[in-house]
Amino acid sequence: MYSGTLIDDLIKAVERTERLSTAETSQPAEMEYWHAISQNEIAQLESSLAGVA
């Protein structure tokens, strides 16, 4: 039977996921690694779009 707690259960699930994801990525070395990768990908994207406009 429906207990009326679906929204509360979903909110709790999202909060758990956010808490776990921030705990995993809060390490500075890992964040620096992902930042370096994203900067490299942006540079590659920009060079591939040169002359498009």
Protein backbone atom coordinates (compact mmCIF):
# COMPACT_ATOMS: atom_id res chain seq x y z
CA MET A 1 0.00 0.00 0.00
CA TYR A 2 1.18 3.53 -0.75
CA SER A 3 2.51 5.21 2.38
CA GLY A 4 2.88 8.73 0.94
CA THR A 5 6.64 8.92 1.50
CA LEU A 6 7.82 8.69 -2.10
CA ILE A 7 9.07 12.29 -2.30
CA ASP A 8 10.79 12.03 1.09
CA ASP A 9 12.45 8.78 0.03
CA LEU A 10 13.65 10.34 -3.23
CA ILE A 11 15.04 13.39 -1.42
CA LYS A 12 16.90 11.17 1.03
CA ALA A 13 18.35 9.14 -1.85
CA VAL A 14 19.59 12.29 -3.59
CA GLU A 15 21.11 13.61 -0.35
CA ARG A 16 22.93 10.30 0.22
CA THR A 17 24.27 10.35 -3.33
CA GLU A 18 25.43 13.95 -3.03
CA ARG A 19 27.12 13.23 0.29
CA LEU A 20 28.94 10.20 -1.12
CA SER A 21 30.00 11.95 -4.31
CA THR A 22 31.41 14.97 -2.48
CA ALA A 23 33.26 12.70 -0.04
CA GLU A 24 34.87 10.82 -2.92
CA THR A 25 35.92 13.89 -4.94
CA SER A 26 37.01 16.14 -2.13
CA GLN A 27 40.60 14.94 -2.36
CA PRO A 28 42.74 17.76 -3.80
CA ALA A 29 45.00 15.52 -5.90
CA GLU A 30 42.06 13.89 -7.60
CA MET A 31 40.41 17.25 -8.28
CA GLU A 32 43.65 18.58 -9.79
CA TYR A 33 43.82 15.52 -12.04
CA TRP A 34 40.28 16.01 -13.36
CA HIS A 35 40.85 19.74 -13.81
CA ALA A 36 43.95 19.04 -15.92
CA ILE A 37 42.04 16.55 -18.05
CA SER A 38 39.16 18.97 -18.60
CA GLN A 39 41.56 21.77 -19.61
CA ASN A 40 43.20 19.42 -22.11
CA GLU A 41 39.83 18.44 -23.58
CA ILE A 42 38.80 22.10 -23.88
CA ALA A 43 42.04 22.92 -25.69
CA GLN A 44 41.49 20.04 -28.12
CA LEU A 45 37.91 21.13 -28.73
CA GLU A 46 38.92 24.72 -29.39
CA SER A 47 41.62 23.69 -31.84
CA SER A 48 39.22 21.42 -33.70
CA LEU A 49 36.73 24.29 -34.08
CA ALA A 50 39.27 26.79 -35.38
CA GLY A 51 38.09 28.31 -38.65
CA VAL A 52 34.53 26.95 -38.36
CA ALA A 53 32.89 30.34 -38.20
